[in-house]
Amino acid sequence: MNMILRQLGRFKKDALLCIGLTTLEVIMEILLPFITSIIIDQGLEQANLPVVYRYGALMVVMALLSLAFGAGSGKFAASASSGLAANLREAIYA
């Protein structure tokens, strides 16, 4: 396994960015139910529409951030995996 990880070479940054962006995406997805509970508890039950609008907008922003983090994660994952595959093929033929 250590030998395979050494083959990442210049694609280590892409692999680490993929892990980091995936972590941020998961954090955004985990926080959405908490925002929903705030909307229900403080907004809908108390008939406070400004709270509903504010936290609803926050949810939309969080969903868009999650989408961007997921897309970036996919881009860096594809780059790291294709680079690793190319380096492994080169090492096998060498």
Protein backbone atom coordinates (compact mmCIF):
# COMPACT_ATOMS: atom_id res chain seq x y z
CA MET A 1 0.00 0.00 0.00
CA ASN A 2 2.86 2.36 0.82
CA MET A 3 4.34 1.74 -2.63
CA ILE A 4 1.04 2.63 -4.28
CA LEU A 5 0.72 5.84 -2.27
CA ARG A 6 4.23 6.84 -3.36
CA GLN A 7 3.04 6.58 -6.95
CA LEU A 8 0.65 9.48 -6.40
CA GLY A 9 3.60 11.80 -6.90
CA ARG A 10 2.42 15.21 -8.01
CA PHE A 11 -1.22 14.19 -7.59
CA LYS A 12 -1.06 14.13 -3.77
CA LYS A 13 -2.46 17.67 -3.67
CA ASP A 14 -5.46 16.57 -5.76
CA ALA A 15 -6.07 13.58 -3.50
CA LEU A 16 -5.92 15.74 -0.36
CA LEU A 17 -8.19 18.38 -1.91
CA CYS A 18 -10.67 15.63 -2.79
CA ILE A 19 -10.72 14.43 0.81
CA GLY A 20 -11.05 17.97 2.17
CA LEU A 21 -13.85 18.97 -0.19
CA THR A 22 -15.72 15.74 0.50
CA THR A 23 -15.45 16.48 4.22
CA LEU A 24 -16.85 19.99 3.69
CA GLU A 25 -19.69 18.58 1.57
CA VAL A 26 -20.62 16.09 4.29
CA ILE A 27 -20.52 18.81 6.95
CA MET A 28 -22.93 20.94 4.90
CA GLU A 29 -25.26 17.97 4.44
CA ILE A 30 -25.18 17.18 8.16
CA LEU A 31 -26.00 20.77 9.15
CA LEU A 32 -29.12 21.02 6.93
CA PRO A 33 -31.44 19.07 9.29
CA PHE A 34 -30.40 21.34 12.17
CA ILE A 35 -31.37 24.40 10.12
CA THR A 36 -34.67 22.71 9.27
CA SER A 37 -35.38 22.20 12.97
CA ILE A 38 -34.67 25.89 13.62
CA ILE A 39 -37.11 26.84 10.87
CA ILE A 40 -39.78 24.61 12.38
CA ASP A 41 -39.19 25.54 16.03
CA GLN A 42 -38.55 29.26 15.77
CA GLY A 43 -40.30 30.10 12.52
CA LEU A 44 -43.33 27.96 11.81
CA GLU A 45 -44.48 27.21 15.34
CA GLN A 46 -44.23 30.86 16.35
CA ALA A 47 -45.53 32.20 13.01
CA ASN A 48 -42.31 34.18 12.53
CA LEU A 49 -41.89 34.46 8.75
CA PRO A 50 -38.65 36.51 8.79
CA VAL A 51 -36.94 33.60 10.58
CA VAL A 52 -38.30 31.18 7.97
CA TYR A 53 -37.03 33.37 5.13
CA ARG A 54 -33.62 33.95 6.73
CA TYR A 55 -32.93 30.32 7.51
CA GLY A 56 -34.50 29.19 4.25
CA ALA A 57 -32.04 31.39 2.37
CA LEU A 58 -29.24 29.99 4.54
CA MET A 59 -30.33 26.47 3.57
CA VAL A 60 -30.23 27.36 -0.13
CA VAL A 61 -26.72 28.80 0.26
CA MET A 62 -25.60 25.72 2.18
CA ALA A 63 -27.06 23.43 -0.49
CA LEU A 64 -25.26 25.37 -3.23
CA LEU A 65 -22.00 25.20 -1.27
CA SER A 66 -22.49 21.48 -0.83
CA LEU A 67 -23.05 21.15 -4.57
CA ALA A 68 -19.88 23.14 -5.32
CA PHE A 69 -17.85 21.12 -2.82
CA GLY A 70 -19.15 17.88 -4.34
CA ALA A 71 -18.33 18.99 -7.88
CA GLY A 72 -14.84 20.08 -6.86
CA SER A 73 -14.33 16.84 -5.03
CA GLY A 74 -15.30 14.86 -8.11
CA LYS A 75 -12.95 16.90 -10.29
CA PHE A 76 -9.99 16.38 -7.98
CA ALA A 77 -10.85 12.70 -7.48
CA ALA A 78 -10.84 12.14 -11.24
CA SER A 79 -7.53 13.96 -11.60
CA ALA A 80 -5.88 12.05 -8.75
CA SER A 81 -7.16 8.67 -9.90
CA SER A 82 -6.13 9.13 -13.53
CA GLY A 83 -2.72 10.43 -12.44
CA LEU A 84 -2.23 7.50 -10.10
CA ALA A 85 -3.22 5.07 -12.85
CA ALA A 86 -0.77 6.68 -15.29
CA ASN A 87 2.04 6.56 -12.72
CA LEU A 88 1.29 2.92 -11.89
CA ARG A 89 1.32 1.94 -15.57
CA GLU A 90 4.61 3.74 -16.05
CA ALA A 91 6.11 2.00 -13.00
CA ILE A 92 4.92 -1.41 -14.19
CA TYR A 93 6.43 -0.97 -17.66
CA ALA A 94 9.66 0.41 -16.20
